[in-house]
Amino acid sequence: MPAPRSGFLEGLLIGAAVTLASAALGLYVLNMLGLVAVSVIHAPSVQHLLGWAYRNLGLSLLPFGAAGVLFVHSLTRLRARLAAGRPVEEVAQAEHLVDVWTSLFFGIGVLWTAIGMRSALLYALGEPGTLGQVGADAILQRLVDGGILLALSTTIFGGAGGYLMRVWKALTVGAALKRYYDRLYRGPGDEVQATLNSIEQHLKTLVTRETGHAAPALGE
């Protein structure tokens, strides 16, 4: 009975965390689109953090947040399966999903940067034939207005977040994974050694019965 209760509480906590994260991302997107105004005047640090996110991440925070939530969910399942000693197929699949969401976090940063750089360049170039009529300062301002800084920020955020995910996995389940796979790989060898010991003991018994003298151990 304790196991079902523990699984129910864990699922409840994960569901609540996913719901809160989804609600926060939804409000963030609505605020970015100008449909909802979110202001935290009594918490200046939170307000500054939101302003930084608006300027440097924009709507990329939505896929980043989704990948982060999926990573946490998969990592929690991996820890539970390791603790329960589940079959190797289930453990390997859970670990694979953790690595997939980590790689996706990296990929979001790269793809968002490429898309943002393209949009910024198109905005800076403007209409065909008008490039020579503006100066370098105006082109640079157009690049900034077109979102080139946001595009570069997503590269940094995706790379830093991806490496932090790898470190988090190594610190939380790295040792448990090593013990699990070591135990798994040692299993067949231990069975073979036990079989050889049984055969040796059986041969000793037969020799003793036929000769009346104890047989020497193998290798003597």
N, C-alpha and C. Protein backbone atom coordinates (compact mmCIF):
# COMPACT_ATOMS: atom_id res chain seq x y z
N MET A 1 0.80 -1.22 0.00
CA MET A 1 0.00 0.00 0.00
C MET A 1 0.84 1.28 0.00
N PRO A 2 2.04 1.33 0.69
CA PRO A 2 2.81 2.57 0.67
C PRO A 2 3.23 2.99 -0.73
N ALA A 3 3.53 2.01 -1.60
CA ALA A 3 4.00 2.37 -2.94
C ALA A 3 2.95 3.12 -3.74
N PRO A 4 1.65 2.64 -3.78
CA PRO A 4 0.64 3.40 -4.50
C PRO A 4 0.46 4.80 -3.95
N ARG A 5 0.50 4.94 -2.60
CA ARG A 5 0.33 6.28 -2.03
C ARG A 5 1.47 7.18 -2.45
N SER A 6 2.71 6.64 -2.40
CA SER A 6 3.87 7.44 -2.80
C SER A 6 3.77 7.84 -4.26
N GLY A 7 3.35 6.89 -5.13
CA GLY A 7 3.20 7.21 -6.54
C GLY A 7 2.12 8.24 -6.77
N PHE A 8 1.02 8.15 -5.99
CA PHE A 8 -0.07 9.12 -6.14
C PHE A 8 0.38 10.52 -5.74
N LEU A 9 1.10 10.63 -4.61
CA LEU A 9 1.58 11.94 -4.17
C LEU A 9 2.58 12.54 -5.16
N GLU A 10 3.47 11.67 -5.67
CA GLU A 10 4.45 12.15 -6.64
C GLU A 10 3.76 12.65 -7.90
N GLY A 11 2.78 11.88 -8.38
CA GLY A 11 2.04 12.30 -9.56
C GLY A 11 1.27 13.59 -9.32
N LEU A 12 0.71 13.73 -8.09
CA LEU A 12 -0.04 14.94 -7.76
C LEU A 12 0.88 16.15 -7.76
N LEU A 13 2.06 16.01 -7.17
CA LEU A 13 3.01 17.12 -7.13
C LEU A 13 3.49 17.49 -8.53
N ILE A 14 3.78 16.49 -9.34
CA ILE A 14 4.23 16.76 -10.70
C ILE A 14 3.13 17.45 -11.50
N GLY A 15 1.87 16.96 -11.33
CA GLY A 15 0.76 17.59 -12.03
C GLY A 15 0.55 19.03 -11.62
N ALA A 16 0.69 19.30 -10.31
CA ALA A 16 0.54 20.67 -9.83
C ALA A 16 1.65 21.57 -10.38
N ALA A 17 2.89 21.05 -10.39
CA ALA A 17 4.00 21.84 -10.90
C ALA A 17 3.82 22.14 -12.40
N VAL A 18 3.39 21.12 -13.15
CA VAL A 18 3.18 21.33 -14.59
C VAL A 18 2.06 22.34 -14.83
N THR A 19 1.00 22.26 -14.02
CA THR A 19 -0.12 23.21 -14.17
C THR A 19 0.33 24.63 -13.89
N LEU A 20 1.09 24.81 -12.80
CA LEU A 20 1.57 26.15 -12.47
C LEU A 20 2.51 26.69 -13.55
N ALA A 21 3.41 25.82 -14.03
CA ALA A 21 4.34 26.26 -15.07
C ALA A 21 3.59 26.62 -16.35
N SER A 22 2.58 25.82 -16.70
CA SER A 22 1.80 26.11 -17.90
C SER A 22 1.04 27.43 -17.76
N ALA A 23 0.47 27.67 -16.56
CA ALA A 23 -0.25 28.92 -16.34
C ALA A 23 0.69 30.12 -16.42
N ALA A 24 1.88 29.97 -15.84
CA ALA A 24 2.85 31.07 -15.88
C ALA A 24 3.29 31.37 -17.32
N LEU A 25 3.55 30.30 -18.08
CA LEU A 25 3.94 30.51 -19.48
C LEU A 25 2.80 31.13 -20.29
N GLY A 26 1.56 30.70 -19.98
CA GLY A 26 0.41 31.28 -20.68
C GLY A 26 0.28 32.76 -20.42
N LEU A 27 0.42 33.17 -19.16
CA LEU A 27 0.35 34.60 -18.83
C LEU A 27 1.49 35.37 -19.49
N TYR A 28 2.66 34.74 -19.52
CA TYR A 28 3.81 35.39 -20.15
C TYR A 28 3.54 35.66 -21.62
N VAL A 29 3.02 34.64 -22.32
CA VAL A 29 2.75 34.79 -23.76
C VAL A 29 1.67 35.84 -23.99
N LEU A 30 0.59 35.81 -23.19
CA LEU A 30 -0.46 36.80 -23.35
C LEU A 30 0.05 38.22 -23.10
N ASN A 31 0.97 38.34 -22.14
CA ASN A 31 1.55 39.65 -21.86
C ASN A 31 2.44 40.10 -23.03
N MET A 32 3.21 39.15 -23.60
CA MET A 32 4.06 39.48 -24.74
C MET A 32 3.22 39.93 -25.93
N LEU A 33 2.05 39.31 -26.12
CA LEU A 33 1.18 39.67 -27.24
C LEU A 33 0.35 40.92 -26.99
N GLY A 34 0.42 41.46 -25.76
CA GLY A 34 -0.32 42.66 -25.43
C GLY A 34 -1.78 42.43 -25.10
N LEU A 35 -2.17 41.15 -24.87
CA LEU A 35 -3.55 40.85 -24.54
C LEU A 35 -3.84 40.98 -23.05
N VAL A 36 -2.80 40.81 -22.23
CA VAL A 36 -2.93 40.90 -20.78
C VAL A 36 -1.76 41.70 -20.25
N ALA A 37 -2.01 42.57 -19.28
CA ALA A 37 -0.95 43.36 -18.66
C ALA A 37 -0.62 42.75 -17.31
N VAL A 38 0.64 42.30 -17.14
CA VAL A 38 1.08 41.70 -15.89
C VAL A 38 2.10 42.63 -15.26
N SER A 39 1.82 43.06 -14.03
CA SER A 39 2.74 43.95 -13.32
C SER A 39 2.86 43.49 -11.88
N VAL A 40 4.12 43.41 -11.41
CA VAL A 40 4.38 42.97 -10.03
C VAL A 40 5.09 44.13 -9.33
N ILE A 41 4.31 45.15 -8.97
CA ILE A 41 4.91 46.37 -8.43
C ILE A 41 5.44 46.17 -7.01
N HIS A 42 4.88 45.19 -6.28
CA HIS A 42 5.33 44.96 -4.90
C HIS A 42 6.54 44.04 -4.82
N ALA A 43 7.00 43.55 -5.95
CA ALA A 43 8.20 42.71 -5.99
C ALA A 43 9.10 43.21 -7.12
N PRO A 44 9.89 44.24 -6.85
CA PRO A 44 10.70 44.84 -7.93
C PRO A 44 11.64 43.84 -8.60
N SER A 45 12.20 42.90 -7.83
CA SER A 45 13.13 41.94 -8.44
C SER A 45 12.41 41.07 -9.47
N VAL A 46 11.19 40.65 -9.16
CA VAL A 46 10.41 39.86 -10.11
C VAL A 46 10.07 40.69 -11.35
N GLN A 47 9.73 41.96 -11.12
CA GLN A 47 9.41 42.84 -12.25
C GLN A 47 10.62 43.03 -13.15
N HIS A 48 11.81 43.18 -12.55
CA HIS A 48 13.04 43.32 -13.34
C HIS A 48 13.32 42.03 -14.11
N LEU A 49 13.08 40.88 -13.47
CA LEU A 49 13.31 39.60 -14.14
C LEU A 49 12.37 39.43 -15.34
N LEU A 50 11.11 39.83 -15.17
CA LEU A 50 10.17 39.76 -16.29
C LEU A 50 10.59 40.69 -17.42
N GLY A 51 11.04 41.90 -17.06
CA GLY A 51 11.50 42.83 -18.09
C GLY A 51 12.70 42.30 -18.85
N TRP A 52 13.63 41.67 -18.11
CA TRP A 52 14.80 41.08 -18.77
C TRP A 52 14.37 39.95 -19.71
N ALA A 53 13.42 39.12 -19.27
CA ALA A 53 12.94 38.02 -20.11
C ALA A 53 12.26 38.55 -21.36
N TYR A 54 11.46 39.62 -21.22
CA TYR A 54 10.79 40.20 -22.39
C TYR A 54 11.81 40.68 -23.42
N ARG A 55 12.86 41.33 -22.94
CA ARG A 55 13.84 41.93 -23.85
C ARG A 55 14.76 40.89 -24.47
N ASN A 56 15.17 39.88 -23.72
CA ASN A 56 16.22 38.97 -24.16
C ASN A 56 15.74 37.62 -24.66
N LEU A 57 14.55 37.20 -24.26
CA LEU A 57 14.07 35.89 -24.66
C LEU A 57 12.79 35.95 -25.49
N GLY A 58 11.92 36.89 -25.19
CA GLY A 58 10.68 37.00 -25.95
C GLY A 58 9.84 35.74 -25.87
N LEU A 59 9.25 35.36 -27.00
CA LEU A 59 8.40 34.18 -27.03
C LEU A 59 9.19 32.87 -27.02
N SER A 60 10.52 32.93 -27.14
CA SER A 60 11.31 31.70 -27.07
C SER A 60 11.22 31.06 -25.70
N LEU A 61 10.81 31.83 -24.69
CA LEU A 61 10.67 31.26 -23.35
C LEU A 61 9.60 30.17 -23.32
N LEU A 62 8.65 30.21 -24.24
CA LEU A 62 7.60 29.20 -24.29
C LEU A 62 8.17 27.81 -24.64
N PRO A 63 8.87 27.63 -25.76
CA PRO A 63 9.45 26.31 -26.01
C PRO A 63 10.54 25.93 -25.02
N PHE A 64 11.32 26.92 -24.54
CA PHE A 64 12.32 26.62 -23.52
C PHE A 64 11.65 26.07 -22.26
N GLY A 65 10.55 26.73 -21.85
CA GLY A 65 9.85 26.29 -20.66
C GLY A 65 9.24 24.91 -20.83
N ALA A 66 8.68 24.63 -22.02
CA ALA A 66 8.10 23.31 -22.27
C ALA A 66 9.17 22.22 -22.21
N ALA A 67 10.33 22.48 -22.81
CA ALA A 67 11.43 21.51 -22.77
C ALA A 67 11.92 21.30 -21.34
N GLY A 68 11.97 22.39 -20.55
CA GLY A 68 12.40 22.26 -19.16
C GLY A 68 11.43 21.44 -18.33
N VAL A 69 10.13 21.65 -18.52
CA VAL A 69 9.12 20.88 -17.78
C VAL A 69 9.20 19.40 -18.14
N LEU A 70 9.35 19.10 -19.42
CA LEU A 70 9.46 17.71 -19.86
C LEU A 70 10.73 17.06 -19.32
N PHE A 71 11.82 17.84 -19.24
CA PHE A 71 13.07 17.32 -18.68
C PHE A 71 12.89 16.94 -17.22
N VAL A 72 12.27 17.83 -16.44
CA VAL A 72 12.07 17.54 -15.02
C VAL A 72 11.17 16.33 -14.83
N HIS A 73 10.12 16.23 -15.64
CA HIS A 73 9.21 15.08 -15.55
C HIS A 73 9.95 13.77 -15.87
N SER A 74 10.73 13.76 -16.94
CA SER A 74 11.45 12.55 -17.33
C SER A 74 12.53 12.19 -16.31
N LEU A 75 13.21 13.21 -15.76
CA LEU A 75 14.23 12.93 -14.75
C LEU A 75 13.61 12.34 -13.49
N THR A 76 12.42 12.83 -13.11
CA THR A 76 11.73 12.26 -11.95
C THR A 76 11.34 10.82 -12.20
N ARG A 77 10.87 10.52 -13.38
CA ARG A 77 10.52 9.13 -13.71
C ARG A 77 11.75 8.24 -13.73
N LEU A 78 12.86 8.75 -14.23
CA LEU A 78 14.10 7.97 -14.24
C LEU A 78 14.55 7.64 -12.83
N ARG A 79 14.50 8.60 -11.93
CA ARG A 79 14.88 8.34 -10.54
C ARG A 79 13.97 7.31 -9.90
N ALA A 80 12.67 7.40 -10.18
CA ALA A 80 11.72 6.44 -9.61
C ALA A 80 11.99 5.03 -10.14
N ARG A 81 12.28 4.90 -11.42
CA ARG A 81 12.54 3.58 -11.98
C ARG A 81 13.84 2.99 -11.48
N LEU A 82 14.85 3.84 -11.28
CA LEU A 82 16.10 3.34 -10.70
C LEU A 82 15.89 2.87 -9.27
N ALA A 83 15.13 3.63 -8.50
CA ALA A 83 14.88 3.26 -7.10
C ALA A 83 14.07 1.97 -7.01
N ALA A 84 13.17 1.75 -7.97
CA ALA A 84 12.34 0.55 -7.94
C ALA A 84 13.01 -0.64 -8.60
N GLY A 85 14.18 -0.44 -9.22
CA GLY A 85 14.87 -1.54 -9.89
C GLY A 85 14.11 -2.07 -11.08
N ARG A 86 13.52 -1.17 -11.86
CA ARG A 86 12.72 -1.58 -13.01
C ARG A 86 13.60 -2.23 -14.09
N PRO A 87 12.99 -2.94 -15.05
CA PRO A 87 13.78 -3.59 -16.12
C PRO A 87 14.60 -2.57 -16.90
N VAL A 88 15.64 -3.10 -17.53
CA VAL A 88 16.60 -2.23 -18.20
C VAL A 88 15.93 -1.46 -19.34
N GLU A 89 14.92 -2.03 -20.00
CA GLU A 89 14.26 -1.32 -21.10
C GLU A 89 13.58 -0.05 -20.60
N GLU A 90 12.94 -0.12 -19.44
CA GLU A 90 12.25 1.05 -18.91
C GLU A 90 13.24 2.12 -18.45
N VAL A 91 14.32 1.68 -17.81
CA VAL A 91 15.34 2.63 -17.35
C VAL A 91 16.01 3.30 -18.54
N ALA A 92 16.36 2.52 -19.56
CA ALA A 92 17.03 3.08 -20.74
C ALA A 92 16.12 4.06 -21.48
N GLN A 93 14.83 3.75 -21.56
CA GLN A 93 13.90 4.66 -22.22
C GLN A 93 13.76 5.97 -21.46
N ALA A 94 13.67 5.89 -20.14
CA ALA A 94 13.57 7.10 -19.33
C ALA A 94 14.83 7.95 -19.46
N GLU A 95 16.00 7.31 -19.46
CA GLU A 95 17.25 8.07 -19.63
C GLU A 95 17.32 8.68 -21.02
N HIS A 96 16.84 7.95 -22.03
CA HIS A 96 16.83 8.47 -23.40
C HIS A 96 15.98 9.74 -23.50
N LEU A 97 14.82 9.74 -22.85
CA LEU A 97 13.95 10.91 -22.89
C LEU A 97 14.61 12.11 -22.20
N VAL A 98 15.31 11.86 -21.09
CA VAL A 98 16.02 12.95 -20.42
C VAL A 98 17.05 13.57 -21.37
N ASP A 99 17.79 12.73 -22.09
CA ASP A 99 18.78 13.24 -23.03
C ASP A 99 18.12 13.95 -24.22
N VAL A 100 16.95 13.46 -24.64
CA VAL A 100 16.24 14.08 -25.76
C VAL A 100 15.83 15.51 -25.41
N TRP A 101 15.26 15.70 -24.21
CA TRP A 101 14.82 17.05 -23.83
C TRP A 101 16.02 17.98 -23.63
N THR A 102 17.14 17.43 -23.17
CA THR A 102 18.35 18.25 -23.05
C THR A 102 18.83 18.71 -24.42
N SER A 103 18.88 17.78 -25.37
CA SER A 103 19.29 18.15 -26.73
C SER A 103 18.30 19.13 -27.37
N LEU A 104 17.02 18.94 -27.08
CA LEU A 104 16.01 19.86 -27.62
C LEU A 104 16.22 21.27 -27.07
N PHE A 105 16.61 21.38 -25.80
CA PHE A 105 16.87 22.69 -25.22
C PHE A 105 18.01 23.39 -25.96
N PHE A 106 19.08 22.64 -26.25
CA PHE A 106 20.16 23.19 -27.07
C PHE A 106 19.63 23.61 -28.44
N GLY A 107 18.84 22.71 -29.06
CA GLY A 107 18.35 22.96 -30.42
C GLY A 107 17.44 24.17 -30.51
N ILE A 108 16.62 24.40 -29.49
CA ILE A 108 15.74 25.57 -29.50
C ILE A 108 16.57 26.85 -29.56
N GLY A 109 17.63 26.90 -28.78
CA GLY A 109 18.49 28.08 -28.80
C GLY A 109 19.10 28.31 -30.17
N VAL A 110 19.58 27.24 -30.81
CA VAL A 110 20.21 27.39 -32.13
C VAL A 110 19.18 27.80 -33.18
N LEU A 111 18.04 27.11 -33.21
CA LEU A 111 17.03 27.41 -34.23
C LEU A 111 16.45 28.82 -34.04
N TRP A 112 16.18 29.20 -32.79
CA TRP A 112 15.62 30.53 -32.55
C TRP A 112 16.61 31.61 -32.94
N THR A 113 17.89 31.34 -32.73
CA THR A 113 18.91 32.30 -33.12
C THR A 113 18.95 32.46 -34.63
N ALA A 114 18.91 31.34 -35.36
CA ALA A 114 18.95 31.41 -36.82
C ALA A 114 17.73 32.16 -37.37
N ILE A 115 16.56 31.85 -36.83
CA ILE A 115 15.34 32.53 -37.30
C ILE A 115 15.39 34.02 -36.95
N GLY A 116 15.83 34.32 -35.72
CA GLY A 116 15.90 35.73 -35.31
C GLY A 116 16.91 36.52 -36.11
N MET A 117 18.07 35.92 -36.41
CA MET A 117 19.08 36.62 -37.22
C MET A 117 18.55 36.89 -38.62
N ARG A 118 17.86 35.93 -39.19
CA ARG A 118 17.29 36.13 -40.53
C ARG A 118 16.27 37.27 -40.53
N SER A 119 15.39 37.28 -39.53
CA SER A 119 14.38 38.33 -39.44
C SER A 119 15.03 39.70 -39.25
N ALA A 120 16.06 39.74 -38.38
CA ALA A 120 16.73 41.01 -38.13
C ALA A 120 17.43 41.54 -39.38
N LEU A 121 18.06 40.65 -40.14
CA LEU A 121 18.74 41.09 -41.37
C LEU A 121 17.74 41.58 -42.41
N LEU A 122 16.63 40.86 -42.55
CA LEU A 122 15.61 41.30 -43.50
C LEU A 122 15.04 42.66 -43.11
N TYR A 123 14.85 42.86 -41.81
CA TYR A 123 14.32 44.15 -41.34
C TYR A 123 15.34 45.26 -41.57
N ALA A 124 16.63 44.95 -41.35
CA ALA A 124 17.67 45.97 -41.51
C ALA A 124 17.86 46.35 -42.97
N LEU A 125 17.75 45.39 -43.87
CA LEU A 125 17.95 45.68 -45.29
C LEU A 125 16.80 46.52 -45.85
N GLY A 126 15.61 46.29 -45.32
CA GLY A 126 14.46 47.08 -45.77
C GLY A 126 14.08 46.78 -47.20
N GLU A 127 13.51 47.76 -47.85
CA GLU A 127 13.07 47.61 -49.24
C GLU A 127 14.27 47.57 -50.18
N PRO A 128 14.18 46.81 -51.27
CA PRO A 128 15.29 46.78 -52.24
C PRO A 128 15.59 48.17 -52.79
N GLY A 129 16.87 48.51 -52.85
CA GLY A 129 17.29 49.79 -53.39
C GLY A 129 17.38 50.91 -52.38
N THR A 130 16.99 50.67 -51.15
CA THR A 130 17.02 51.73 -50.13
C THR A 130 18.22 51.60 -49.21
N LEU A 131 19.01 50.53 -49.35
CA LEU A 131 20.11 50.31 -48.43
C LEU A 131 21.16 51.40 -48.54
N GLY A 132 21.43 51.87 -49.74
CA GLY A 132 22.45 52.89 -49.91
C GLY A 132 22.03 54.26 -49.43
N GLN A 133 20.78 54.45 -49.10
CA GLN A 133 20.28 55.75 -48.67
C GLN A 133 20.37 55.95 -47.16
N VAL A 134 20.74 54.92 -46.43
CA VAL A 134 20.84 55.03 -44.97
C VAL A 134 22.28 54.77 -44.56
N GLY A 135 22.65 55.29 -43.39
CA GLY A 135 24.00 55.11 -42.90
C GLY A 135 24.16 53.85 -42.08
N ALA A 136 25.41 53.65 -41.65
CA ALA A 136 25.72 52.45 -40.86
C ALA A 136 25.00 52.46 -39.52
N ASP A 137 24.88 53.68 -38.93
CA ASP A 137 24.19 53.76 -37.64
C ASP A 137 22.73 53.36 -37.77
N ALA A 138 22.10 53.77 -38.84
CA ALA A 138 20.70 53.43 -39.05
C ALA A 138 20.53 51.93 -39.28
N ILE A 139 21.46 51.33 -40.03
CA ILE A 139 21.38 49.88 -40.26
C ILE A 139 21.56 49.12 -38.95
N LEU A 140 22.52 49.57 -38.13
CA LEU A 140 22.73 48.93 -36.84
C LEU A 140 21.49 49.04 -35.96
N GLN A 141 20.87 50.21 -35.98
CA GLN A 141 19.65 50.40 -35.20
C GLN A 141 18.53 49.49 -35.71
N ARG A 142 18.47 49.32 -37.01
CA ARG A 142 17.46 48.42 -37.57
C ARG A 142 17.71 46.97 -37.14
N LEU A 143 18.99 46.59 -37.09
CA LEU A 143 19.31 45.23 -36.63
C LEU A 143 18.84 45.01 -35.19
N VAL A 144 19.09 46.02 -34.35
CA VAL A 144 18.67 45.92 -32.96
C VAL A 144 17.15 45.87 -32.87
N ASP A 145 16.49 46.77 -33.61
CA ASP A 145 15.03 46.79 -33.60
C ASP A 145 14.44 45.50 -34.18
N GLY A 146 15.17 44.89 -35.11
CA GLY A 146 14.69 43.66 -35.72
C GLY A 146 14.85 42.43 -34.86
N GLY A 147 15.57 42.56 -33.73
CA GLY A 147 15.65 41.46 -32.79
C GLY A 147 16.95 40.68 -32.81
N ILE A 148 18.04 41.29 -33.27
CA ILE A 148 19.29 40.53 -33.33
C ILE A 148 19.84 40.23 -31.93
N LEU A 149 19.63 41.17 -30.98
CA LEU A 149 20.09 40.93 -29.61
C LEU A 149 19.31 39.79 -28.97
N LEU A 150 18.01 39.75 -29.22
CA LEU A 150 17.19 38.65 -28.70
C LEU A 150 17.64 37.32 -29.29
N ALA A 151 17.98 37.33 -30.59
CA ALA A 151 18.43 36.09 -31.23
C ALA A 151 19.72 35.59 -30.60
N LEU A 152 20.65 36.48 -30.33
CA LEU A 152 21.91 36.07 -29.71
C LEU A 152 21.70 35.62 -28.26
N SER A 153 20.77 36.25 -27.57
CA SER A 153 20.51 35.88 -26.17
C SER A 153 19.97 34.45 -26.07
N THR A 154 19.17 34.03 -27.06
CA THR A 154 18.63 32.68 -27.01
C THR A 154 19.73 31.63 -27.17
N THR A 155 20.79 31.95 -27.91
CA THR A 155 21.92 31.03 -28.02
C THR A 155 22.58 30.82 -26.66
N ILE A 156 22.82 31.93 -25.97
CA ILE A 156 23.44 31.84 -24.65
C ILE A 156 22.55 31.08 -23.68
N PHE A 157 21.26 31.41 -23.68
CA PHE A 157 20.33 30.77 -22.76
C PHE A 157 20.20 29.28 -23.05
N GLY A 158 20.09 28.92 -24.33
CA GLY A 158 19.98 27.51 -24.69
C GLY A 158 21.22 26.71 -24.33
N GLY A 159 22.40 27.29 -24.59
CA GLY A 159 23.63 26.59 -24.25
C GLY A 159 23.83 26.44 -22.75
N ALA A 160 23.62 27.53 -22.01
CA ALA A 160 23.79 27.47 -20.56
C ALA A 160 22.78 26.52 -19.93
N GLY A 161 21.51 26.62 -20.37
CA GLY A 161 20.49 25.74 -19.82
C GLY A 161 20.74 24.29 -20.14
N GLY A 162 21.19 23.99 -21.36
CA GLY A 162 21.48 22.60 -21.73
C GLY A 162 22.60 22.00 -20.90
N TYR A 163 23.66 22.76 -20.69
CA TYR A 163 24.77 22.25 -19.87
C TYR A 163 24.35 22.09 -18.40
N LEU A 164 23.51 23.00 -17.91
CA LEU A 164 23.01 22.85 -16.54
C LEU A 164 22.15 21.60 -16.41
N MET A 165 21.37 21.27 -17.44
CA MET A 165 20.58 20.04 -17.43
C MET A 165 21.49 18.81 -17.32
N ARG A 166 22.57 18.81 -18.08
CA ARG A 166 23.50 17.68 -18.02
C ARG A 166 24.13 17.55 -16.63
N VAL A 167 24.51 18.69 -16.05
CA VAL A 167 25.09 18.66 -14.70
C VAL A 167 24.06 18.17 -13.69
N TRP A 168 22.82 18.64 -13.83
CA TRP A 168 21.74 18.23 -12.93
C TRP A 168 21.53 16.72 -13.01
N LYS A 169 21.51 16.19 -14.21
CA LYS A 169 21.33 14.74 -14.37
C LYS A 169 22.49 13.98 -13.72
N ALA A 170 23.72 14.45 -13.96
CA ALA A 170 24.88 13.76 -13.40
C ALA A 170 24.87 13.78 -11.87
N LEU A 171 24.45 14.90 -11.27
CA LEU A 171 24.46 15.01 -9.82
C LEU A 171 23.32 14.22 -9.17
N THR A 172 22.17 14.12 -9.83
CA THR A 172 21.01 13.49 -9.21
C THR A 172 20.92 11.99 -9.46
N VAL A 173 21.25 11.55 -10.68
CA VAL A 173 21.09 10.12 -10.99
C VAL A 173 22.35 9.49 -11.56
N GLY A 174 23.44 10.25 -11.66
CA GLY A 174 24.66 9.70 -12.25
C GLY A 174 25.18 8.49 -11.51
N ALA A 175 25.32 8.59 -10.19
CA ALA A 175 25.84 7.47 -9.40
C ALA A 175 24.88 6.28 -9.42
N ALA A 176 23.58 6.56 -9.32
CA ALA A 176 22.59 5.47 -9.34
C ALA A 176 22.58 4.75 -10.68
N LEU A 177 22.73 5.51 -11.77
CA LEU A 177 22.79 4.88 -13.09
C LEU A 177 24.01 3.98 -13.23
N LYS A 178 25.15 4.45 -12.74
CA LYS A 178 26.38 3.65 -12.83
C LYS A 178 26.24 2.36 -12.03
N ARG A 179 25.69 2.45 -10.82
CA ARG A 179 25.49 1.24 -10.02
C ARG A 179 24.51 0.28 -10.70
N TYR A 180 23.45 0.83 -11.31
CA TYR A 180 22.45 -0.01 -11.96
C TYR A 180 23.05 -0.77 -13.13
N TYR A 181 23.77 -0.07 -13.99
CA TYR A 181 24.35 -0.73 -15.16
C TYR A 181 25.49 -1.67 -14.78
N ASP A 182 26.29 -1.30 -13.76
CA ASP A 182 27.34 -2.21 -13.30
C ASP A 182 26.74 -3.51 -12.77
N ARG A 183 25.68 -3.38 -11.99
CA ARG A 183 25.01 -4.58 -11.47
C ARG A 183 24.42 -5.41 -12.59
N LEU A 184 23.90 -4.73 -13.61
CA LEU A 184 23.30 -5.43 -14.74
C LEU A 184 24.37 -6.19 -15.54
N TYR A 185 25.52 -5.56 -15.75
CA TYR A 185 26.57 -6.20 -16.53
C TYR A 185 27.26 -7.32 -15.75
N ARG A 186 27.31 -7.20 -14.43
CA ARG A 186 27.92 -8.25 -13.62
C ARG A 186 27.03 -9.47 -13.48
N GLY A 187 25.73 -9.32 -13.70
CA GLY A 187 24.80 -10.42 -13.48
C GLY A 187 25.15 -11.68 -14.23
N PRO A 188 25.31 -11.65 -15.58
CA PRO A 188 25.66 -12.87 -16.31
C PRO A 188 26.97 -13.50 -15.86
N GLY A 189 27.98 -12.67 -15.56
CA GLY A 189 29.26 -13.20 -15.09
C GLY A 189 29.13 -13.91 -13.76
N ASP A 190 28.33 -13.35 -12.85
CA ASP A 190 28.12 -14.00 -11.56
C ASP A 190 27.40 -15.33 -11.72
N GLU A 191 26.44 -15.39 -12.65
CA GLU A 191 25.72 -16.64 -12.89
C GLU A 191 26.66 -17.71 -13.44
N VAL A 192 27.54 -17.32 -14.38
CA VAL A 192 28.50 -18.28 -14.93
C VAL A 192 29.44 -18.78 -13.84
N GLN A 193 29.92 -17.86 -12.97
CA GLN A 193 30.82 -18.27 -11.89
C GLN A 193 30.12 -19.22 -10.93
N ALA A 194 28.86 -18.95 -10.62
CA ALA A 194 28.11 -19.85 -9.73
C ALA A 194 27.94 -21.23 -10.36
N THR A 195 27.68 -21.27 -11.69
CA THR A 195 27.54 -22.55 -12.37
C THR A 195 28.83 -23.34 -12.36
N LEU A 196 29.97 -22.64 -12.61
CA LEU A 196 31.27 -23.31 -12.57
C LEU A 196 31.58 -23.86 -11.18
N ASN A 197 31.24 -23.08 -10.15
CA ASN A 197 31.47 -23.56 -8.79
C ASN A 197 30.62 -24.79 -8.49
N SER A 198 29.40 -24.81 -9.00
CA SER A 198 28.53 -25.96 -8.79
C SER A 198 29.07 -27.20 -9.50
N ILE A 199 29.57 -27.01 -10.74
CA ILE A 199 30.16 -28.14 -11.47
C ILE A 199 31.39 -28.67 -10.75
N GLU A 200 32.23 -27.75 -10.25
CA GLU A 200 33.44 -28.17 -9.53
C GLU A 200 33.08 -28.97 -8.29
N GLN A 201 32.08 -28.51 -7.55
CA GLN A 201 31.67 -29.22 -6.34
C GLN A 201 31.12 -30.61 -6.69
N HIS A 202 30.37 -30.68 -7.80
CA HIS A 202 29.82 -31.97 -8.21
C HIS A 202 30.93 -32.93 -8.61
N LEU A 203 31.94 -32.45 -9.33
CA LEU A 203 33.06 -33.30 -9.72
C LEU A 203 33.83 -33.79 -8.50
N LYS A 204 34.01 -32.91 -7.52
CA LYS A 204 34.69 -33.32 -6.28
C LYS A 204 33.94 -34.46 -5.61
N THR A 205 32.63 -34.34 -5.58
CA THR A 205 31.82 -35.38 -4.94
C THR A 205 31.95 -36.71 -5.67
N LEU A 206 31.96 -36.69 -7.00
CA LEU A 206 32.09 -37.92 -7.78
C LEU A 206 33.45 -38.57 -7.59
N VAL A 207 34.52 -37.74 -7.60
CA VAL A 207 35.87 -38.28 -7.42
C VAL A 207 36.03 -38.88 -6.04
N THR A 208 35.50 -38.20 -5.04
CA THR A 208 35.60 -38.71 -3.67
C THR A 208 34.85 -40.03 -3.53
N ARG A 209 33.71 -40.13 -4.17
CA ARG A 209 32.92 -41.35 -4.08
C ARG A 209 33.63 -42.52 -4.77
N GLU A 210 34.35 -42.26 -5.88
CA GLU A 210 35.02 -43.33 -6.62
C GLU A 210 36.34 -43.75 -5.99
N THR A 211 37.10 -42.80 -5.47
CA THR A 211 38.46 -43.10 -4.97
C THR A 211 38.51 -43.19 -3.46
N GLY A 212 37.58 -42.60 -2.83
CA GLY A 212 37.64 -42.58 -1.37
C GLY A 212 38.52 -41.49 -0.83
N HIS A 213 39.13 -40.68 -1.67
CA HIS A 213 39.99 -39.56 -1.27
C HIS A 213 39.39 -38.26 -1.79
N ALA A 214 39.61 -37.20 -1.02
CA ALA A 214 39.09 -35.89 -1.44
C ALA A 214 39.83 -35.42 -2.67
N ALA A 215 39.11 -34.94 -3.64
CA ALA A 215 39.72 -34.44 -4.88
C ALA A 215 40.30 -33.06 -4.64
N PRO A 216 41.46 -32.78 -5.26
CA PRO A 216 42.03 -31.42 -5.13
C PRO A 216 41.18 -30.40 -5.85
N ALA A 217 41.25 -29.18 -5.37
CA ALA A 217 40.49 -28.10 -6.00
C ALA A 217 41.08 -27.80 -7.36
N LEU A 218 40.26 -27.30 -8.26
CA LEU A 218 40.74 -26.94 -9.57
C LEU A 218 41.80 -25.87 -9.48
N GLY A 219 42.90 -26.08 -10.25
CA GLY A 219 43.98 -25.11 -10.21
C GLY A 219 45.10 -25.52 -9.28
N GLU A 220 44.87 -26.54 -8.42
CA GLU A 220 45.93 -26.95 -7.50
C GLU A 220 46.87 -27.94 -8.18
